[in-house]
Amino acid sequence: MLSETTPDDEEGSEPAGHDRQAAGRVTLRTDLRAVLPEAGVAFGVTAAVFVFLYARVESGDSATVAVMPFMADAGTYWMYLLSQAFGWSALLWAWGTVMLGLLLSGQRPAWIPGSPQVLERWHRTTSLTTMALMFAHALMFAAELVRYEAELAWLERLWVGFADSFVPGWYDSGTGRIAIPIGQGALYLAVPLGLLFYVRHRIGANTWRRLHRFVIVVYVLSVWHTLLYGTNVWYGEWPRTVLWLLQLPVAVLLVMRLVRPARRAERLPVPGRRRGGSLPGWTLRAAGRVAAVAVVLGLVAVVASGHDGGRERPAETPSTAPHAPEGE
């Protein structure tokens, strides 16, 4: 989730000497130290979200309880609520790091405060924090499943929790059969794509840059996972509308990034002219820009029309768990 331009990566070049490489290279160890204050803020936000979700369950206003009434006991299902809280914090941090990445990799507007170096460091730390929050989200979901399968022996409970949370295709209940593999895909792409930044001097800046473009796929999968499995946004109410609205600035920045790229090699010259590139390459880039504009228009239509895939609250809510505990 890191930006595509850094001081030692412009146009795929590297510093001339070994000393300059060592002096200018950002290391994972350095960023892990720098991320600690931000991680504290992230966990504070997660705690606030957890308290909010817990209070809504206790008051009976929670959409999660409307979907699964058996979860009305917040004290019993606190690990599931904490998993939800980590998930929402992860999505918020993912939104922030993608926004920073798009700003840094395009022609940065003059009104944005801070030097490019400071913004780049923020982008790196938000990326690392996002990965940690995503993992914590999955881990707490696994912990809740271990607690839930109380009829099994401990080793079996640990396996069920691990497999349902981390093995794609293993979870076999309801919407989770689709939504959980999508979330797993986001996690398993986010980690290597984010950490490749720290070995870009080994794989080459151009290779890293090409791979890094797939980070937007991680974000799309994360939002898709939330829309499908985030019970707090199942119904067509304000939380779901806000989630859709937050995608508008991401899509607009993506269009700006494609239309006005900072790197000359990514611009869209007239095909056939000098340095214009091949016609197939030009067509592919032009199609990408058209698709990005279509996404923006689609998001506007979704928000304006209210047809955002939200469900109507059922008149009679289900009274059973999504699946019976293993062994019953």
Protein backbone atom coordinates (compact mmCIF):
# COMPACT_ATOMS: atom_id res chain seq x y z
CA MET A 1 0.00 0.00 0.00
CA LEU A 2 2.94 2.25 -0.59
CA SER A 3 3.23 4.94 -3.21
CA GLU A 4 4.87 4.38 -6.55
CA THR A 5 7.47 7.14 -6.34
CA THR A 6 10.31 7.45 -3.88
CA PRO A 7 13.50 9.53 -4.08
CA ASP A 8 15.65 6.60 -5.19
CA ASP A 9 13.11 5.05 -7.57
CA GLU A 10 12.30 7.79 -10.11
CA GLU A 11 12.23 6.37 -13.63
CA GLY A 12 13.57 3.08 -12.28
CA SER A 13 17.00 4.48 -11.48
CA GLU A 14 19.12 3.65 -8.43
CA PRO A 15 21.81 5.76 -6.69
CA ALA A 16 25.21 5.39 -8.29
CA GLY A 17 27.24 4.13 -5.34
CA HIS A 18 26.79 1.60 -2.56
CA ASP A 19 27.12 4.29 0.12
CA ARG A 20 24.37 6.37 -1.42
CA GLN A 21 22.13 3.30 -1.62
CA ALA A 22 22.66 2.49 2.05
CA ALA A 23 22.16 6.09 3.14
CA GLY A 24 18.96 6.66 1.16
CA ARG A 25 17.27 3.29 1.66
CA VAL A 26 14.32 3.02 4.00
CA THR A 27 14.35 -0.18 6.05
CA LEU A 28 11.49 -2.12 7.59
CA ARG A 29 13.13 -1.89 11.02
CA THR A 30 13.16 1.91 10.84
CA ASP A 31 9.52 2.07 9.82
CA LEU A 32 8.46 -0.41 12.50
CA ARG A 33 9.91 1.96 15.11
CA ALA A 34 8.21 4.94 13.47
CA VAL A 35 4.84 3.18 13.32
CA LEU A 36 4.51 2.72 17.10
CA PRO A 37 2.81 6.08 17.87
CA GLU A 38 0.39 5.62 14.97
CA ALA A 39 -0.33 2.05 16.04
CA GLY A 40 -1.28 3.39 19.46
CA VAL A 41 -3.76 5.77 17.82
CA ALA A 42 -5.14 2.93 15.70
CA PHE A 43 -5.72 0.73 18.73
CA GLY A 44 -7.35 3.68 20.50
CA VAL A 45 -9.73 4.11 17.57
CA THR A 46 -10.41 0.37 17.63
CA ALA A 47 -11.22 0.55 21.35
CA ALA A 48 -13.64 3.44 20.71
CA VAL A 49 -15.35 1.50 17.91
CA PHE A 50 -15.58 -1.56 20.16
CA VAL A 51 -17.25 0.45 22.93
CA PHE A 52 -19.68 1.91 20.38
CA LEU A 53 -20.57 -1.53 19.00
CA TYR A 54 -20.85 -3.02 22.50
CA ALA A 55 -23.19 -0.22 23.61
CA ARG A 56 -25.39 -0.67 20.54
CA VAL A 57 -25.71 -4.40 21.24
CA GLU A 58 -26.60 -3.70 24.86
CA SER A 59 -29.22 -1.13 23.83
CA GLY A 60 -30.74 -3.40 21.20
CA ASP A 61 -29.99 -0.97 18.34
CA SER A 62 -27.25 -3.04 16.72
CA ALA A 63 -27.79 -4.18 13.15
CA THR A 64 -25.64 -7.20 14.02
CA VAL A 65 -28.27 -8.28 16.56
CA ALA A 66 -30.99 -7.67 13.97
CA VAL A 67 -29.18 -10.16 11.71
CA MET A 68 -28.19 -12.59 14.49
CA PRO A 69 -30.43 -12.14 17.58
CA PHE A 70 -28.51 -14.80 19.52
CA MET A 71 -25.63 -12.28 19.72
CA ALA A 72 -27.62 -9.93 21.95
CA ASP A 73 -25.37 -11.03 24.82
CA ALA A 74 -22.45 -8.65 24.23
CA GLY A 75 -20.51 -10.06 27.18
CA THR A 76 -20.44 -13.51 25.60
CA TYR A 77 -19.66 -12.40 22.05
CA TRP A 78 -17.20 -9.63 22.89
CA MET A 79 -14.45 -11.23 20.75
CA TYR A 80 -16.69 -11.07 17.70
CA LEU A 81 -17.42 -7.40 18.43
CA LEU A 82 -13.70 -6.76 18.83
CA SER A 83 -13.12 -8.47 15.48
CA GLN A 84 -15.68 -6.09 13.96
CA ALA A 85 -13.93 -3.12 15.57
CA PHE A 86 -10.54 -4.17 14.19
CA GLY A 87 -12.16 -4.63 10.78
CA TRP A 88 -13.59 -1.12 10.73
CA SER A 89 -10.27 0.38 11.87
CA ALA A 90 -8.46 -1.61 9.18
CA LEU A 91 -10.81 -0.30 6.51
CA LEU A 92 -10.36 3.27 7.75
CA TRP A 93 -6.56 2.96 7.68
CA ALA A 94 -6.69 1.26 4.29
CA TRP A 95 -8.74 4.18 2.98
CA GLY A 96 -6.18 6.63 4.34
CA THR A 97 -3.13 4.85 2.97
CA VAL A 98 -4.72 4.45 -0.48
CA MET A 99 -5.61 8.15 -0.53
CA LEU A 100 -2.03 9.04 0.41
CA GLY A 101 -0.64 6.66 -2.17
CA LEU A 102 -2.74 8.14 -4.97
CA LEU A 103 -1.78 11.68 -3.96
CA LEU A 104 1.92 10.87 -3.80
CA SER A 105 2.09 8.88 -7.03
CA GLY A 106 0.31 11.52 -9.10
CA GLN A 107 0.90 15.23 -9.53
CA ARG A 108 0.48 16.34 -5.93
CA PRO A 109 -1.80 19.39 -5.51
CA ALA A 110 -0.06 22.45 -4.05
CA TRP A 111 -2.62 22.83 -1.26
CA ILE A 112 -1.63 19.57 0.47
CA PRO A 113 0.47 20.41 3.56
CA GLY A 114 3.71 18.71 4.47
CA SER A 115 6.80 17.81 2.53
CA PRO A 116 6.82 14.80 0.18
CA GLN A 117 9.21 13.02 2.57
CA VAL A 118 6.82 13.41 5.52
CA LEU A 119 3.82 12.30 3.48
CA GLU A 120 5.77 9.32 2.17
CA ARG A 121 6.67 8.28 5.72
CA TRP A 122 3.01 8.57 6.76
CA HIS A 123 2.07 6.46 3.79
CA ARG A 124 4.51 3.73 4.79
CA THR A 125 3.40 3.68 8.42
CA THR A 126 -0.31 3.68 7.57
CA SER A 127 0.36 0.74 5.27
CA LEU A 128 2.04 -1.25 8.06
CA THR A 129 -0.72 -0.32 10.51
CA THR A 130 -3.36 -1.45 8.03
CA MET A 131 -1.74 -4.86 7.71
CA ALA A 132 -1.59 -5.25 11.50
CA LEU A 133 -5.26 -4.28 11.88
CA MET A 134 -6.33 -6.68 9.13
CA PHE A 135 -4.48 -9.53 10.83
CA ALA A 136 -5.98 -8.62 14.24
CA HIS A 137 -9.44 -8.61 12.64
CA ALA A 138 -8.95 -12.15 11.33
CA LEU A 139 -7.30 -13.34 14.56
CA MET A 140 -10.17 -12.17 16.78
CA PHE A 141 -12.66 -13.80 14.41
CA ALA A 142 -10.72 -17.05 14.81
CA ALA A 143 -10.69 -16.62 18.60
CA GLU A 144 -14.46 -16.22 18.64
CA LEU A 145 -14.87 -19.40 16.60
CA VAL A 146 -12.60 -21.28 19.03
CA ARG A 147 -14.78 -20.10 21.92
CA TYR A 148 -17.97 -20.94 20.02
CA GLU A 149 -17.10 -24.56 19.22
CA ALA A 150 -17.16 -25.48 22.90
CA GLU A 151 -18.24 -29.09 22.29
CA LEU A 152 -14.97 -29.98 20.56
CA ALA A 153 -11.61 -30.89 22.05
CA TRP A 154 -9.10 -28.05 22.22
CA LEU A 155 -7.02 -29.14 19.25
CA GLU A 156 -10.14 -29.50 17.10
CA ARG A 157 -11.41 -26.11 18.24
CA LEU A 158 -8.10 -24.49 17.33
CA TRP A 159 -8.17 -26.13 13.91
CA VAL A 160 -11.77 -25.05 13.25
CA GLY A 161 -10.99 -21.47 14.25
CA PHE A 162 -7.84 -21.36 12.15
CA ALA A 163 -9.33 -23.07 9.08
CA ASP A 164 -12.54 -21.02 9.02
CA SER A 165 -10.59 -17.78 9.39
CA PHE A 166 -7.44 -18.34 7.34
CA VAL A 167 -8.05 -21.18 4.84
CA PRO A 168 -9.90 -19.95 1.72
CA GLY A 169 -13.05 -21.91 1.00
CA TRP A 170 -13.20 -23.64 4.38
CA TYR A 171 -15.92 -21.50 6.00
CA ASP A 172 -19.23 -22.96 4.81
CA SER A 173 -22.00 -20.88 6.37
CA GLY A 174 -24.23 -18.28 4.71
CA THR A 175 -22.77 -15.14 3.18
CA GLY A 176 -19.39 -16.00 4.69
CA ARG A 177 -18.84 -18.65 2.01
CA ILE A 178 -18.18 -15.77 -0.40
CA ALA A 179 -17.32 -12.85 1.87
CA ILE A 180 -14.63 -14.54 3.97
CA PRO A 181 -12.50 -15.76 1.02
CA ILE A 182 -12.69 -12.22 -0.38
CA GLY A 183 -11.39 -10.82 2.92
CA GLN A 184 -8.70 -13.50 3.05
CA GLY A 185 -7.65 -12.53 -0.47
CA ALA A 186 -7.29 -8.91 0.64
CA LEU A 187 -5.09 -9.93 3.59
CA TYR A 188 -2.93 -12.34 1.63
CA LEU A 189 -2.33 -9.75 -1.11
CA ALA A 190 -1.79 -6.82 1.25
CA VAL A 191 1.14 -8.36 3.12
CA PRO A 192 3.46 -9.22 0.21
CA LEU A 193 2.51 -6.15 -1.84
CA GLY A 194 3.21 -3.89 1.13
CA LEU A 195 6.47 -5.52 2.22
CA LEU A 196 7.90 -5.69 -1.31
CA PHE A 197 8.67 -1.99 -0.91
CA TYR A 198 11.53 -2.88 1.43
CA VAL A 199 13.20 -5.19 -1.10
CA ARG A 200 12.61 -3.09 -4.21
CA HIS A 201 16.37 -2.57 -4.56
CA ARG A 202 16.67 -6.34 -5.04
CA ILE A 203 13.78 -6.94 -7.43
CA GLY A 204 14.17 -3.65 -9.31
CA ALA A 205 12.17 -0.45 -9.01
CA ASN A 206 10.22 -1.06 -12.22
CA THR A 207 9.19 -4.57 -11.13
CA TRP A 208 8.13 -3.29 -7.74
CA ARG A 209 6.17 -0.45 -9.32
CA ARG A 210 4.26 -2.82 -11.61
CA LEU A 211 3.38 -5.15 -8.75
CA HIS A 212 2.46 -2.29 -6.46
CA ARG A 213 -0.34 -1.18 -8.76
CA PHE A 214 -2.30 -4.22 -7.64
CA VAL A 215 -2.68 -2.61 -4.19
CA ILE A 216 -5.90 -1.01 -5.42
CA VAL A 217 -7.21 -4.59 -5.78
CA VAL A 218 -6.56 -5.12 -2.05
CA TYR A 219 -8.65 -2.08 -1.21
CA VAL A 220 -11.50 -3.10 -3.54
CA LEU A 221 -11.57 -6.57 -1.98
CA SER A 222 -11.62 -5.03 1.51
CA VAL A 223 -14.62 -2.83 0.71
CA TRP A 224 -16.38 -5.72 -1.04
CA HIS A 225 -15.79 -7.95 2.00
CA THR A 226 -17.26 -5.26 4.26
CA LEU A 227 -20.35 -4.72 2.14
CA LEU A 228 -21.02 -8.46 2.02
CA TYR A 229 -20.17 -9.47 5.59
CA GLY A 230 -20.27 -6.29 7.67
CA THR A 231 -23.63 -6.76 9.40
CA ASN A 232 -23.58 -3.12 10.49
CA VAL A 233 -23.94 -2.10 6.83
CA TRP A 234 -26.27 -4.84 5.59
CA TYR A 235 -29.33 -2.64 5.61
CA GLY A 236 -29.90 0.40 3.39
CA GLU A 237 -29.27 2.91 6.17
CA TRP A 238 -26.76 5.73 6.79
CA PRO A 239 -23.71 3.54 7.65
CA ARG A 240 -23.93 1.86 4.24
CA THR A 241 -24.43 5.23 2.50
CA VAL A 242 -21.36 6.67 4.25
CA LEU A 243 -19.30 3.66 3.20
CA TRP A 244 -20.27 4.22 -0.44
CA LEU A 245 -19.61 7.98 -0.16
CA LEU A 246 -16.08 7.37 1.11
CA GLN A 247 -15.26 5.59 -2.13
CA LEU A 248 -15.92 8.71 -4.21
CA PRO A 249 -12.69 10.57 -3.32
CA VAL A 250 -10.69 7.37 -3.89
CA ALA A 251 -12.20 6.95 -7.35
CA VAL A 252 -11.72 10.64 -8.22
CA LEU A 253 -8.06 10.54 -7.18
CA LEU A 254 -7.60 7.37 -9.21
CA VAL A 255 -8.97 9.16 -12.28
CA MET A 256 -6.66 12.12 -11.64
CA ARG A 257 -3.75 9.72 -11.15
CA LEU A 258 -4.47 8.08 -14.51
CA VAL A 259 -5.21 11.26 -16.44
CA ARG A 260 -2.31 13.28 -15.04
CA PRO A 261 0.40 10.80 -13.99
CA ALA A 262 3.59 12.23 -12.50
CA ARG A 263 5.85 9.92 -14.51
CA ARG A 264 6.29 10.78 -18.18
CA ALA A 265 6.30 7.11 -19.19
CA GLU A 266 2.72 6.70 -17.90
CA ARG A 267 1.22 9.60 -19.84
CA LEU A 268 -1.13 9.02 -22.75
CA PRO A 269 0.38 10.52 -25.91
CA VAL A 270 -1.24 10.38 -29.33
CA PRO A 271 -0.61 6.87 -30.74
CA GLY A 272 1.82 6.66 -33.60
CA ARG A 273 3.73 9.80 -32.70
CA ARG A 274 7.29 9.82 -31.46
CA ARG A 275 7.42 8.09 -28.06
CA GLY A 276 3.70 7.45 -28.39
CA GLY A 277 4.07 3.73 -27.85
CA SER A 278 2.24 0.93 -29.61
CA LEU A 279 -1.45 1.11 -30.45
CA PRO A 280 -2.38 -1.88 -28.19
CA GLY A 281 -0.58 -0.28 -25.24
CA TRP A 282 -2.24 3.07 -25.88
CA THR A 283 -5.64 1.38 -26.15
CA LEU A 284 -5.14 -0.45 -22.85
CA ARG A 285 -4.19 2.74 -21.01
CA ALA A 286 -7.06 4.67 -22.56
CA ALA A 287 -9.48 1.90 -21.56
CA GLY A 288 -8.20 2.10 -17.99
CA ARG A 289 -8.96 5.81 -17.85
CA VAL A 290 -12.44 5.30 -19.29
CA ALA A 291 -13.11 2.52 -16.77
CA ALA A 292 -12.00 4.76 -13.88
CA VAL A 293 -14.35 7.54 -15.02
CA ALA A 294 -17.16 4.98 -15.31
CA VAL A 295 -16.50 3.90 -11.70
CA VAL A 296 -16.84 7.49 -10.50
CA LEU A 297 -20.11 7.93 -12.40
CA GLY A 298 -21.34 4.60 -11.04
CA LEU A 299 -20.56 5.60 -7.45
CA VAL A 300 -22.40 8.90 -7.90
CA ALA A 301 -25.40 7.04 -9.32
CA VAL A 302 -25.39 4.55 -6.45
CA VAL A 303 -25.30 7.23 -3.77
CA ALA A 304 -27.80 9.55 -5.51
CA SER A 305 -30.31 6.80 -6.26
CA GLY A 306 -30.02 4.97 -2.96
CA HIS A 307 -29.82 1.63 -4.79
CA ASP A 308 -26.66 0.50 -3.01
CA GLY A 309 -27.45 -3.15 -2.40
CA GLY A 310 -28.73 -2.59 1.12
CA ARG A 311 -31.34 -4.98 2.43
CA GLU A 312 -34.65 -4.27 4.11
CA ARG A 313 -34.79 -5.14 7.78
CA PRO A 314 -36.72 -8.40 8.07
CA ALA A 315 -40.04 -8.28 9.85
CA GLU A 316 -39.09 -11.44 11.73
CA THR A 317 -35.43 -11.95 12.51
CA PRO A 318 -33.84 -15.40 12.64
CA SER A 319 -33.56 -16.94 16.08
CA THR A 320 -30.73 -19.40 15.54
CA ALA A 321 -26.97 -19.21 15.18
CA PRO A 322 -25.51 -19.16 11.65
CA HIS A 323 -24.49 -22.77 12.17
CA ALA A 324 -24.68 -25.18 15.06
CA PRO A 325 -21.44 -25.66 16.99
CA GLU A 326 -19.34 -28.56 15.71
CA GLY A 327 -20.10 -31.76 17.54
CA GLU A 328 -23.77 -31.05 18.22
